Amino acid sequence: MNFGSPVPTVEVTDLKADDFLLDVREDDEWQAGHAEGALHIPISEFVARYGELTEAAPQDARVHVICRSGGRSAQVAMYLVQQGIDAVNVDGGMQVWAAVGRPVLDDEGQPGYVL
């Protein structure tokens, strides 16, 4: 399957604290551990819940899309780019996020883990 141009990507280490993060993993993955402040819309519900993203994202802000390893987030980032949104895929996803020491929290705000 050819999507044309490759999806724009960004390294976890290049993300700043105030960057807008969209987590597209499923509910069980999110509950185990996620980045603080991220917006959670599972890829399985993404098209139906697309309006939540447009309401939550700051005007003209770049959307940094993340999943566990980068596959699902690449699909969503490509979809967003096609909708005219400035979106990038977070290379390596939450696995790299955790590996470089970025905080991972569970639903109670306690230290979490990446499924």
PDB file of N, CA and C in Angstrom:
ATOM      1  N   MET A   1       0.851  -1.190   0.000  1.00  0.00           N
ATOM      2  CA  MET A   1       0.000   0.000   0.000  1.00  0.00           C
ATOM      3  C   MET A   1       0.893   1.249   0.000  1.00  0.00           C
ATOM      4  N   ASN A   2       0.649   2.135  -0.910  1.00  0.00           N
ATOM      5  CA  ASN A   2       1.492   3.321  -1.038  1.00  0.00           C
ATOM      6  C   ASN A   2       0.695   4.567  -0.660  1.00  0.00           C
ATOM      7  N   PHE A   3       1.159   5.261   0.351  1.00  0.00           N
ATOM      8  CA  PHE A   3       0.476   6.479   0.797  1.00  0.00           C
ATOM      9  C   PHE A   3       1.035   7.722   0.125  1.00  0.00           C
ATOM     10  N   GLY A   4       1.907   7.527  -0.843  1.00  0.00           N
ATOM     11  CA  GLY A   4       2.522   8.693  -1.476  1.00  0.00           C
ATOM     12  C   GLY A   4       3.719   9.136  -0.656  1.00  0.00           C
ATOM     13  N   SER A   5       3.712  10.385  -0.241  1.00  0.00           N
ATOM     14  CA  SER A   5       4.847  10.891   0.522  1.00  0.00           C
ATOM     15  C   SER A   5       4.864  10.272   1.915  1.00  0.00           C
ATOM     16  N   PRO A   6       6.061  10.093   2.471  1.00  0.00           N
ATOM     17  CA  PRO A   6       6.152   9.519   3.812  1.00  0.00           C
ATOM     18  C   PRO A   6       5.527  10.458   4.854  1.00  0.00           C
ATOM     19  N   VAL A   7       5.090   9.868   5.939  1.00  0.00           N
ATOM     20  CA  VAL A   7       4.487  10.649   7.019  1.00  0.00           C
ATOM     21  C   VAL A   7       5.584  11.455   7.706  1.00  0.00           C
ATOM     22  N   PRO A   8       5.351  12.752   7.950  1.00  0.00           N
ATOM     23  CA  PRO A   8       6.349  13.521   8.699  1.00  0.00           C
ATOM     24  C   PRO A   8       6.488  12.959  10.113  1.00  0.00           C
ATOM     25  N   THR A   9       7.714  12.836  10.578  1.00  0.00           N
ATOM     26  CA  THR A   9       7.947  12.286  11.915  1.00  0.00           C
ATOM     27  C   THR A   9       8.771  13.235  12.759  1.00  0.00           C
ATOM     28  N   VAL A  10       8.699  13.026  14.067  1.00  0.00           N
ATOM     29  CA  VAL A  10       9.483  13.781  15.025  1.00  0.00           C
ATOM     30  C   VAL A  10      10.008  12.797  16.066  1.00  0.00           C
ATOM     31  N   GLU A  11      11.208  13.061  16.563  1.00  0.00           N
ATOM     32  CA  GLU A  11      11.785  12.208  17.600  1.00  0.00           C
ATOM     33  C   GLU A  11      11.205  12.605  18.955  1.00  0.00           C
ATOM     34  N   VAL A  12      11.032  11.618  19.842  1.00  0.00           N
ATOM     35  CA  VAL A  12      10.547  11.897  21.204  1.00  0.00           C
ATOM     36  C   VAL A  12      11.419  12.966  21.871  1.00  0.00           C
ATOM     37  N   THR A  13      12.721  12.865  21.678  1.00  0.00           N
ATOM     38  CA  THR A  13      13.642  13.789  22.345  1.00  0.00           C
ATOM     39  C   THR A  13      13.511  15.226  21.842  1.00  0.00           C
ATOM     40  N   ASP A  14      12.833  15.408  20.685  1.00  0.00           N
ATOM     41  CA  ASP A  14      12.628  16.764  20.158  1.00  0.00           C
ATOM     42  C   ASP A  14      11.325  17.396  20.648  1.00  0.00           C
ATOM     43  N   LEU A  15      10.500  16.621  21.356  1.00  0.00           N
ATOM     44  CA  LEU A  15       9.234  17.158  21.844  1.00  0.00           C
ATOM     45  C   LEU A  15       9.460  18.082  23.029  1.00  0.00           C
ATOM     46  N   LYS A  16       8.711  19.177  23.051  1.00  0.00           N
ATOM     47  CA  LYS A  16       8.771  20.111  24.170  1.00  0.00           C
ATOM     48  C   LYS A  16       7.585  19.856  25.095  1.00  0.00           C
ATOM     49  N   ALA A  17       7.685  20.318  26.328  1.00  0.00           N
ATOM     50  CA  ALA A  17       6.662  20.043  27.339  1.00  0.00           C
ATOM     51  C   ALA A  17       5.282  20.542  26.926  1.00  0.00           C
ATOM     52  N   ASP A  18       5.218  21.635  26.165  1.00  0.00           N
ATOM     53  CA  ASP A  18       3.912  22.204  25.822  1.00  0.00           C
ATOM     54  C   ASP A  18       3.410  21.756  24.444  1.00  0.00           C
ATOM     55  N   ASP A  19       4.096  20.798  23.802  1.00  0.00           N
ATOM     56  CA  ASP A  19       3.629  20.293  22.514  1.00  0.00           C
ATOM     57  C   ASP A  19       2.328  19.518  22.699  1.00  0.00           C
ATOM     58  N   PHE A  20       1.402  19.669  21.746  1.00  0.00           N
ATOM     59  CA  PHE A  20       0.113  18.981  21.812  1.00  0.00           C
ATOM     60  C   PHE A  20       0.291  17.538  21.372  1.00  0.00           C
ATOM     61  N   LEU A  21      -0.093  16.599  22.255  1.00  0.00           N
ATOM     62  CA  LEU A  21       0.121  15.175  22.011  1.00  0.00           C
ATOM     63  C   LEU A  21      -1.221  14.455  21.911  1.00  0.00           C
ATOM     64  N   LEU A  22      -1.397  13.681  20.842  1.00  0.00           N
ATOM     65  CA  LEU A  22      -2.594  12.874  20.628  1.00  0.00           C
ATOM     66  C   LEU A  22      -2.202  11.407  20.706  1.00  0.00           C
ATOM     67  N   ASP A  23      -2.755  10.686  21.692  1.00  0.00           N
ATOM     68  CA  ASP A  23      -2.463   9.266  21.894  1.00  0.00           C
ATOM     69  C   ASP A  23      -3.590   8.454  21.261  1.00  0.00           C
ATOM     70  N   VAL A  24      -3.261   7.598  20.291  1.00  0.00           N
ATOM     71  CA  VAL A  24      -4.291   6.842  19.561  1.00  0.00           C
ATOM     72  C   VAL A  24      -4.308   5.362  19.940  1.00  0.00           C
ATOM     73  N   ARG A  25      -3.685   5.019  21.071  1.00  0.00           N
ATOM     74  CA  ARG A  25      -3.713   3.626  21.527  1.00  0.00           C
ATOM     75  C   ARG A  25      -5.089   3.280  22.101  1.00  0.00           C
ATOM     76  N   GLU A  26      -5.333   2.003  22.298  1.00  0.00           N
ATOM     77  CA  GLU A  26      -6.624   1.555  22.821  1.00  0.00           C
ATOM     78  C   GLU A  26      -6.708   1.821  24.327  1.00  0.00           C
ATOM     79  N   ASP A  27      -7.924   1.701  24.875  1.00  0.00           N
ATOM     80  CA  ASP A  27      -8.185   2.070  26.266  1.00  0.00           C
ATOM     81  C   ASP A  27      -7.289   1.353  27.271  1.00  0.00           C
ATOM     82  N   ASP A  28      -7.073   0.042  27.086  1.00  0.00           N
ATOM     83  CA  ASP A  28      -6.259  -0.691  28.062  1.00  0.00           C
ATOM     84  C   ASP A  28      -4.815  -0.194  28.060  1.00  0.00           C
ATOM     85  N   GLU A  29      -4.308   0.158  26.892  1.00  0.00           N
ATOM     86  CA  GLU A  29      -2.946   0.689  26.798  1.00  0.00           C
ATOM     87  C   GLU A  29      -2.853   2.046  27.484  1.00  0.00           C
ATOM     88  N   TRP A  30      -3.848   2.901  27.230  1.00  0.00           N
ATOM     89  CA  TRP A  30      -3.892   4.237  27.821  1.00  0.00           C
ATOM     90  C   TRP A  30      -3.939   4.140  29.342  1.00  0.00           C
ATOM     91  N   GLN A  31      -4.804   3.257  29.864  1.00  0.00           N
ATOM     92  CA  GLN A  31      -4.981   3.137  31.307  1.00  0.00           C
ATOM     93  C   GLN A  31      -3.706   2.656  31.994  1.00  0.00           C
ATOM     94  N   ALA A  32      -2.940   1.799  31.335  1.00  0.00           N
ATOM     95  CA  ALA A  32      -1.690   1.287  31.914  1.00  0.00           C
ATOM     96  C   ALA A  32      -0.659   2.399  32.056  1.00  0.00           C
ATOM     97  N   GLY A  33      -0.601   3.291  31.071  1.00  0.00           N
ATOM     98  CA  GLY A  33       0.369   4.369  31.142  1.00  0.00           C
ATOM     99  C   GLY A  33       0.341   5.248  29.920  1.00  0.00           C
ATOM    100  N   HIS A  34       0.362   6.571  30.163  1.00  0.00           N
ATOM    101  CA  HIS A  34       0.329   7.544  29.068  1.00  0.00           C
ATOM    102  C   HIS A  34       1.100   8.795  29.464  1.00  0.00           C
ATOM    103  N   ALA A  35       1.295   9.652  28.486  1.00  0.00           N
ATOM    104  CA  ALA A  35       1.973  10.922  28.732  1.00  0.00           C
ATOM    105  C   ALA A  35       0.976  11.898  29.359  1.00  0.00           C
ATOM    106  N   GLU A  36       1.415  12.595  30.391  1.00  0.00           N
ATOM    107  CA  GLU A  36       0.553  13.569  31.050  1.00  0.00           C
ATOM    108  C   GLU A  36       0.133  14.659  30.065  1.00  0.00           C
ATOM    109  N   GLY A  37      -1.148  14.985  30.089  1.00  0.00           N
ATOM    110  CA  GLY A  37      -1.654  16.060  29.244  1.00  0.00           C
ATOM    111  C   GLY A  37      -2.024  15.652  27.834  1.00  0.00           C
ATOM    112  N   ALA A  38      -1.782  14.387  27.466  1.00  0.00           N
ATOM    113  CA  ALA A  38      -2.116  13.939  26.118  1.00  0.00           C
ATOM    114  C   ALA A  38      -3.633  13.804  25.960  1.00  0.00           C
ATOM    115  N   LEU A  39      -4.103  14.012  24.746  1.00  0.00           N
ATOM    116  CA  LEU A  39      -5.496  13.753  24.408  1.00  0.00           C
ATOM    117  C   LEU A  39      -5.583  12.310  23.940  1.00  0.00           C
ATOM    118  N   HIS A  40      -6.568  11.557  24.461  1.00  0.00           N
ATOM    119  CA  HIS A  40      -6.696  10.146  24.102  1.00  0.00           C
ATOM    120  C   HIS A  40      -7.918   9.924  23.228  1.00  0.00           C
ATOM    121  N   ILE A  41      -7.678   9.512  21.981  1.00  0.00           N
ATOM    122  CA  ILE A  41      -8.743   9.072  21.084  1.00  0.00           C
ATOM    123  C   ILE A  41      -8.230   7.795  20.408  1.00  0.00           C
ATOM    124  N   PRO A  42      -8.765   6.618  20.800  1.00  0.00           N
ATOM    125  CA  PRO A  42      -8.276   5.368  20.200  1.00  0.00           C
ATOM    126  C   PRO A  42      -8.455   5.364  18.681  1.00  0.00           C
ATOM    127  N   ILE A  43      -7.501   4.753  17.977  1.00  0.00           N
ATOM    128  CA  ILE A  43      -7.573   4.707  16.519  1.00  0.00           C
ATOM    129  C   ILE A  43      -8.869   4.037  16.062  1.00  0.00           C
ATOM    130  N   SER A  44      -9.372   3.081  16.845  1.00  0.00           N
ATOM    131  CA  SER A  44     -10.599   2.370  16.455  1.00  0.00           C
ATOM    132  C   SER A  44     -11.833   3.273  16.479  1.00  0.00           C
ATOM    133  N   GLU A  45     -11.738   4.411  17.188  1.00  0.00           N
ATOM    134  CA  GLU A  45     -12.863   5.350  17.296  1.00  0.00           C
ATOM    135  C   GLU A  45     -12.539   6.705  16.669  1.00  0.00           C
ATOM    136  N   PHE A  46     -11.371   6.788  16.018  1.00  0.00           N
ATOM    137  CA  PHE A  46     -10.853   8.107  15.658  1.00  0.00           C
ATOM    138  C   PHE A  46     -11.741   8.906  14.718  1.00  0.00           C
ATOM    139  N   VAL A  47     -12.195   8.288  13.640  1.00  0.00           N
ATOM    140  CA  VAL A  47     -12.995   9.047  12.671  1.00  0.00           C
ATOM    141  C   VAL A  47     -14.284   9.548  13.312  1.00  0.00           C
ATOM    142  N   ALA A  48     -14.926   8.698  14.128  1.00  0.00           N
ATOM    143  CA  ALA A  48     -16.175   9.083  14.785  1.00  0.00           C
ATOM    144  C   ALA A  48     -15.955  10.198  15.811  1.00  0.00           C
ATOM    145  N   ARG A  49     -14.772  10.231  16.426  1.00  0.00           N
ATOM    146  CA  ARG A  49     -14.498  11.206  17.494  1.00  0.00           C
ATOM    147  C   ARG A  49     -13.580  12.337  17.042  1.00  0.00           C
ATOM    148  N   TYR A  50     -13.409  12.481  15.738  1.00  0.00           N
ATOM    149  CA  TYR A  50     -12.506  13.485  15.160  1.00  0.00           C
ATOM    150  C   TYR A  50     -12.777  14.888  15.714  1.00  0.00           C
ATOM    151  N   GLY A  51     -14.044  15.230  15.940  1.00  0.00           N
ATOM    152  CA  GLY A  51     -14.402  16.554  16.454  1.00  0.00           C
ATOM    153  C   GLY A  51     -13.770  16.866  17.798  1.00  0.00           C
ATOM    154  N   GLU A  52     -13.514  15.818  18.610  1.00  0.00           N
ATOM    155  CA  GLU A  52     -12.873  16.039  19.909  1.00  0.00           C
ATOM    156  C   GLU A  52     -11.464  16.611  19.721  1.00  0.00           C
ATOM    157  N   LEU A  53     -10.794  16.156  18.680  1.00  0.00           N
ATOM    158  CA  LEU A  53      -9.445  16.660  18.402  1.00  0.00           C
ATOM    159  C   LEU A  53      -9.506  18.123  17.986  1.00  0.00           C
ATOM    160  N   THR A  54     -10.413  18.449  17.079  1.00  0.00           N
ATOM    161  CA  THR A  54     -10.465  19.824  16.586  1.00  0.00           C
ATOM    162  C   THR A  54     -10.892  20.783  17.693  1.00  0.00           C
ATOM    163  N   GLU A  55     -11.667  20.298  18.678  1.00  0.00           N
ATOM    164  CA  GLU A  55     -12.042  21.145  19.812  1.00  0.00           C
ATOM    165  C   GLU A  55     -10.893  21.306  20.794  1.00  0.00           C
ATOM    166  N   ALA A  56     -10.124  20.244  21.011  1.00  0.00           N
ATOM    167  CA  ALA A  56      -9.090  20.245  22.052  1.00  0.00           C
ATOM    168  C   ALA A  56      -7.763  20.865  21.608  1.00  0.00           C
ATOM    169  N   ALA A  57      -7.440  20.710  20.335  1.00  0.00           N
ATOM    170  CA  ALA A  57      -6.135  21.181  19.863  1.00  0.00           C
ATOM    171  C   ALA A  57      -6.112  22.700  19.799  1.00  0.00           C
ATOM    172  N   PRO A  58      -5.028  23.307  20.308  1.00  0.00           N
ATOM    173  CA  PRO A  58      -4.907  24.763  20.167  1.00  0.00           C
ATOM    174  C   PRO A  58      -4.917  25.163  18.700  1.00  0.00           C
ATOM    175  N   GLN A  59      -5.475  26.308  18.409  1.00  0.00           N
ATOM    176  CA  GLN A  59      -5.576  26.795  17.026  1.00  0.00           C
ATOM    177  C   GLN A  59      -4.200  26.815  16.364  1.00  0.00           C
ATOM    178  N   ASP A  60      -4.102  26.207  15.194  1.00  0.00           N
ATOM    179  CA  ASP A  60      -2.865  26.184  14.407  1.00  0.00           C
ATOM    180  C   ASP A  60      -1.698  25.474  15.093  1.00  0.00           C
ATOM    181  N   ALA A  61      -1.990  24.697  16.144  1.00  0.00           N
ATOM    182  CA  ALA A  61      -0.906  23.965  16.803  1.00  0.00           C
ATOM    183  C   ALA A  61      -0.607  22.686  16.028  1.00  0.00           C
ATOM    184  N   ARG A  62       0.648  22.287  16.043  1.00  0.00           N
ATOM    185  CA  ARG A  62       1.025  21.014  15.441  1.00  0.00           C
ATOM    186  C   ARG A  62       0.518  19.888  16.343  1.00  0.00           C
ATOM    187  N   VAL A  63      -0.044  18.855  15.739  1.00  0.00           N
ATOM    188  CA  VAL A  63      -0.530  17.696  16.485  1.00  0.00           C
ATOM    189  C   VAL A  63       0.537  16.600  16.392  1.00  0.00           C
ATOM    190  N   HIS A  64       1.038  16.172  17.560  1.00  0.00           N
ATOM    191  CA  HIS A  64       2.038  15.108  17.635  1.00  0.00           C
ATOM    192  C   HIS A  64       1.298  13.821  17.976  1.00  0.00           C
ATOM    193  N   VAL A  65       1.252  12.886  17.026  1.00  0.00           N
ATOM    194  CA  VAL A  65       0.452  11.669  17.184  1.00  0.00           C
ATOM    195  C   VAL A  65       1.360  10.538  17.675  1.00  0.00           C
ATOM    196  N   ILE A  66       0.901   9.848  18.744  1.00  0.00           N
ATOM    197  CA  ILE A  66       1.727   8.804  19.351  1.00  0.00           C
ATOM    198  C   ILE A  66       0.897   7.542  19.580  1.00  0.00           C
ATOM    199  N   CYS A  67       1.544   6.383  19.452  1.00  0.00           N
ATOM    200  CA  CYS A  67       0.929   5.100  19.815  1.00  0.00           C
ATOM    201  C   CYS A  67       2.005   4.309  20.554  1.00  0.00           C
ATOM    202  N   ARG A  68       1.965   2.983  20.501  1.00  0.00           N
ATOM    203  CA  ARG A  68       2.971   2.202  21.230  1.00  0.00           C
ATOM    204  C   ARG A  68       4.329   2.269  20.539  1.00  0.00           C
ATOM    205  N   SER A  69       4.338   2.041  19.210  1.00  0.00           N
ATOM    206  CA  SER A  69       5.626   1.970  18.517  1.00  0.00           C
ATOM    207  C   SER A  69       5.724   2.854  17.283  1.00  0.00           C
ATOM    208  N   GLY A  70       4.606   3.440  16.831  1.00  0.00           N
ATOM    209  CA  GLY A  70       4.655   4.348  15.692  1.00  0.00           C
ATOM    210  C   GLY A  70       3.847   3.938  14.479  1.00  0.00           C
ATOM    211  N   GLY A  71       3.291   2.734  14.457  1.00  0.00           N
ATOM    212  CA  GLY A  71       2.534   2.263  13.297  1.00  0.00           C
ATOM    213  C   GLY A  71       1.148   2.875  13.189  1.00  0.00           C
ATOM    214  N   ARG A  72       0.369   2.754  14.271  1.00  0.00           N
ATOM    215  CA  ARG A  72      -0.989   3.302  14.247  1.00  0.00           C
ATOM    216  C   ARG A  72      -0.963   4.828  14.178  1.00  0.00           C
ATOM    217  N   SER A  73      -0.026   5.427  14.901  1.00  0.00           N
ATOM    218  CA  SER A  73       0.056   6.886  14.891  1.00  0.00           C
ATOM    219  C   SER A  73       0.440   7.411  13.515  1.00  0.00           C
ATOM    220  N   ALA A  74       1.220   6.645  12.757  1.00  0.00           N
ATOM    221  CA  ALA A  74       1.564   7.062  11.392  1.00  0.00           C
ATOM    222  C   ALA A  74       0.313   7.122  10.525  1.00  0.00           C
ATOM    223  N   GLN A  75      -0.592   6.148  10.695  1.00  0.00           N
ATOM    224  CA  GLN A  75      -1.833   6.137   9.922  1.00  0.00           C
ATOM    225  C   GLN A  75      -2.692   7.363  10.254  1.00  0.00           C
ATOM    226  N   VAL A  76      -2.810   7.664  11.557  1.00  0.00           N
ATOM    227  CA  VAL A  76      -3.629   8.807  11.977  1.00  0.00           C
ATOM    228  C   VAL A  76      -2.977  10.116  11.544  1.00  0.00           C
ATOM    229  N   ALA A  77      -1.656  10.216  11.673  1.00  0.00           N
ATOM    230  CA  ALA A  77      -0.966  11.433  11.251  1.00  0.00           C
ATOM    231  C   ALA A  77      -1.191  11.681   9.761  1.00  0.00           C
ATOM    232  N   MET A  78      -1.126  10.622   8.941  1.00  0.00           N
ATOM    233  CA  MET A  78      -1.345  10.767   7.508  1.00  0.00           C
ATOM    234  C   MET A  78      -2.770  11.241   7.232  1.00  0.00           C
ATOM    235  N   TYR A  79      -3.735  10.667   7.956  1.00  0.00           N
ATOM    236  CA  TYR A  79      -5.135  11.081   7.802  1.00  0.00           C
ATOM    237  C   TYR A  79      -5.285  12.571   8.139  1.00  0.00           C
ATOM    238  N   LEU A  80      -4.669  13.001   9.232  1.00  0.00           N
ATOM    239  CA  LEU A  80      -4.768  14.405   9.646  1.00  0.00           C
ATOM    240  C   LEU A  80      -4.132  15.332   8.613  1.00  0.00           C
ATOM    241  N   VAL A  81      -2.978  14.947   8.090  1.00  0.00           N
ATOM    242  CA  VAL A  81      -2.321  15.751   7.059  1.00  0.00           C
ATOM    243  C   VAL A  81      -3.251  15.897   5.851  1.00  0.00           C
ATOM    244  N   GLN A  82      -3.940  14.811   5.504  1.00  0.00           N
ATOM    245  CA  GLN A  82      -4.873  14.861   4.380  1.00  0.00           C
ATOM    246  C   GLN A  82      -6.057  15.787   4.662  1.00  0.00           C
ATOM    247  N   GLN A  83      -6.362  15.994   5.956  1.00  0.00           N
ATOM    248  CA  GLN A  83      -7.445  16.916   6.344  1.00  0.00           C
ATOM    249  C   GLN A  83      -6.940  18.361   6.445  1.00  0.00           C
ATOM    250  N   GLY A  84      -5.660  18.562   6.142  1.00  0.00           N
ATOM    251  CA  GLY A  84      -5.102  19.905   6.200  1.00  0.00           C
ATOM    252  C   GLY A  84      -4.588  20.316   7.565  1.00  0.00           C
ATOM    253  N   ILE A  85      -4.405  19.342   8.456  1.00  0.00           N
ATOM    254  CA  ILE A  85      -3.908  19.626   9.808  1.00  0.00           C
ATOM    255  C   ILE A  85      -2.404  19.386   9.847  1.00  0.00           C
ATOM    256  N   ASP A  86      -1.694  20.250  10.547  1.00  0.00           N
ATOM    257  CA  ASP A  86      -0.253  20.101  10.728  1.00  0.00           C
ATOM    258  C   ASP A  86      -0.033  18.987  11.747  1.00  0.00           C
ATOM    259  N   ALA A  87       0.230  17.772  11.279  1.00  0.00           N
ATOM    260  CA  ALA A  87       0.387  16.620  12.163  1.00  0.00           C
ATOM    261  C   ALA A  87       1.681  15.891  11.854  1.00  0.00           C
ATOM    262  N   VAL A  88       2.297  15.337  12.898  1.00  0.00           N
ATOM    263  CA  VAL A  88       3.515  14.548  12.746  1.00  0.00           C
ATOM    264  C   VAL A  88       3.391  13.283  13.587  1.00  0.00           C
ATOM    265  N   ASN A  89       4.060  12.245  13.146  1.00  0.00           N
ATOM    266  CA  ASN A  89       4.101  10.987  13.865  1.00  0.00           C
ATOM    267  C   ASN A  89       5.283  11.011  14.832  1.00  0.00           C
ATOM    268  N   VAL A  90       5.050  10.569  16.079  1.00  0.00           N
ATOM    269  CA  VAL A  90       6.142  10.492  17.061  1.00  0.00           C
ATOM    270  C   VAL A  90       6.854   9.158  16.846  1.00  0.00           C
ATOM    271  N   ASP A  91       8.087   9.226  16.341  1.00  0.00           N
ATOM    272  CA  ASP A  91       8.857   8.052  15.964  1.00  0.00           C
ATOM    273  C   ASP A  91       9.138   7.175  17.185  1.00  0.00           C
ATOM    274  N   GLY A  92       8.780   5.889  17.090  1.00  0.00           N
ATOM    275  CA  GLY A  92       9.059   4.956  18.179  1.00  0.00           C
ATOM    276  C   GLY A  92       7.989   4.928  19.254  1.00  0.00           C
ATOM    277  N   GLY A  93       7.105   5.920  19.255  1.00  0.00           N
ATOM    278  CA  GLY A  93       5.959   5.935  20.155  1.00  0.00           C
ATOM    279  C   GLY A  93       6.279   5.915  21.635  1.00  0.00           C
ATOM    280  N   MET A  94       5.326   5.379  22.391  1.00  0.00           N
ATOM    281  CA  MET A  94       5.444   5.370  23.855  1.00  0.00           C
ATOM    282  C   MET A  94       6.580   4.473  24.333  1.00  0.00           C
ATOM    283  N   GLN A  95       6.985   3.498  23.513  1.00  0.00           N
ATOM    284  CA  GLN A  95       8.121   2.667  23.907  1.00  0.00           C
ATOM    285  C   GLN A  95       9.383   3.523  24.026  1.00  0.00           C
ATOM    286  N   VAL A  96       9.604   4.387  23.053  1.00  0.00           N
ATOM    287  CA  VAL A  96      10.773   5.276  23.107  1.00  0.00           C
ATOM    288  C   VAL A  96      10.556   6.350  24.176  1.00  0.00           C
ATOM    289  N   TRP A  97       9.322   6.867  24.273  1.00  0.00           N
ATOM    290  CA  TRP A  97       8.985   7.864  25.298  1.00  0.00           C
ATOM    291  C   TRP A  97       9.451   7.374  26.669  1.00  0.00           C
ATOM    292  N   ALA A  98       9.061   6.142  27.027  1.00  0.00           N
ATOM    293  CA  ALA A  98       9.436   5.575  28.327  1.00  0.00           C
ATOM    294  C   ALA A  98      10.937   5.305  28.401  1.00  0.00           C
ATOM    295  N   ALA A  99      11.514   4.806  27.304  1.00  0.00           N
ATOM    296  CA  ALA A  99      12.933   4.439  27.297  1.00  0.00           C
ATOM    297  C   ALA A  99      13.850   5.631  27.528  1.00  0.00           C
ATOM    298  N   VAL A 100      13.444   6.824  27.067  1.00  0.00           N
ATOM    299  CA  VAL A 100      14.290   8.005  27.258  1.00  0.00           C
ATOM    300  C   VAL A 100      13.978   8.718  28.571  1.00  0.00           C
ATOM    301  N   GLY A 101      13.095   8.119  29.371  1.00  0.00           N
ATOM    302  CA  GLY A 101      12.849   8.650  30.708  1.00  0.00           C
ATOM    303  C   GLY A 101      11.737   9.673  30.818  1.00  0.00           C
ATOM    304  N   ARG A 102      10.931   9.825  29.766  1.00  0.00           N
ATOM    305  CA  ARG A 102       9.783  10.733  29.882  1.00  0.00           C
ATOM    306  C   ARG A 102       8.752  10.094  30.819  1.00  0.00           C
ATOM    307  N   PRO A 103       8.032  10.906  31.609  1.00  0.00           N
ATOM    308  CA  PRO A 103       7.092  10.322  32.571  1.00  0.00           C
ATOM    309  C   PRO A 103       5.908   9.616  31.908  1.00  0.00           C
ATOM    310  N   VAL A 104       5.545   8.476  32.491  1.00  0.00           N
ATOM    311  CA  VAL A 104       4.402   7.683  32.053  1.00  0.00           C
ATOM    312  C   VAL A 104       3.486   7.532  33.268  1.00  0.00           C
ATOM    313  N   LEU A 105       2.231   7.963  33.127  1.00  0.00           N
ATOM    314  CA  LEU A 105       1.292   7.940  34.243  1.00  0.00           C
ATOM    315  C   LEU A 105       0.105   7.035  33.942  1.00  0.00           C
ATOM    316  N   ASP A 106      -0.447   6.414  35.001  1.00  0.00           N
ATOM    317  CA  ASP A 106      -1.664   5.627  34.818  1.00  0.00           C
ATOM    318  C   ASP A 106      -2.878   6.523  35.056  1.00  0.00           C
ATOM    319  N   ASP A 107      -4.063   5.932  35.065  1.00  0.00           N
ATOM    320  CA  ASP A 107      -5.299   6.709  35.205  1.00  0.00           C
ATOM    321  C   ASP A 107      -5.403   7.448  36.530  1.00  0.00           C
ATOM    322  N   GLU A 108      -4.689   6.978  37.564  1.00  0.00           N
ATOM    323  CA  GLU A 108      -4.735   7.644  38.874  1.00  0.00           C
ATOM    324  C   GLU A 108      -3.623   8.691  39.014  1.00  0.00           C
ATOM    325  N   GLY A 109      -2.856   8.895  37.953  1.00  0.00           N
ATOM    326  CA  GLY A 109      -1.748   9.839  38.027  1.00  0.00           C
ATOM    327  C   GLY A 109      -0.511   9.269  38.692  1.00  0.00           C
ATOM    328  N   GLN A 110      -0.510   7.955  38.891  1.00  0.00           N
ATOM    329  CA  GLN A 110       0.661   7.265  39.467  1.00  0.00           C
ATOM    330  C   GLN A 110       1.568   6.801  38.332  1.00  0.00           C
ATOM    331  N   PRO A 111       2.819   6.464  38.679  1.00  0.00           N
ATOM    332  CA  PRO A 111       3.707   5.954  37.627  1.00  0.00           C
ATOM    333  C   PRO A 111       3.088   4.751  36.927  1.00  0.00           C
ATOM    334  N   GLY A 112       3.081   4.816  35.604  1.00  0.00           N
ATOM    335  CA  GLY A 112       2.494   3.745  34.806  1.00  0.00           C
ATOM    336  C   GLY A 112       3.546   3.055  33.977  1.00  0.00           C
ATOM    337  N   TYR A 113       3.089   2.260  33.018  1.00  0.00           N
ATOM    338  CA  TYR A 113       4.005   1.536  32.139  1.00  0.00           C
ATOM    339  C   TYR A 113       3.370   1.421  30.758  1.00  0.00           C
ATOM    340  N   VAL A 114       4.188   1.084  29.785  1.00  0.00           N
ATOM    341  CA  VAL A 114       3.728   0.966  28.407  1.00  0.00           C
ATOM    342  C   VAL A 114       3.425  -0.498  28.119  1.00  0.00           C
ATOM    343  N   LEU A 115       2.182  -0.775  27.748  1.00  0.00           N
ATOM    344  CA  LEU A 115       1.783  -2.141  27.388  1.00  0.00           C
ATOM    345  C   LEU A 115       2.406  -2.550  26.072  1.00  0.00           C
TER     346      LEU A 115
END
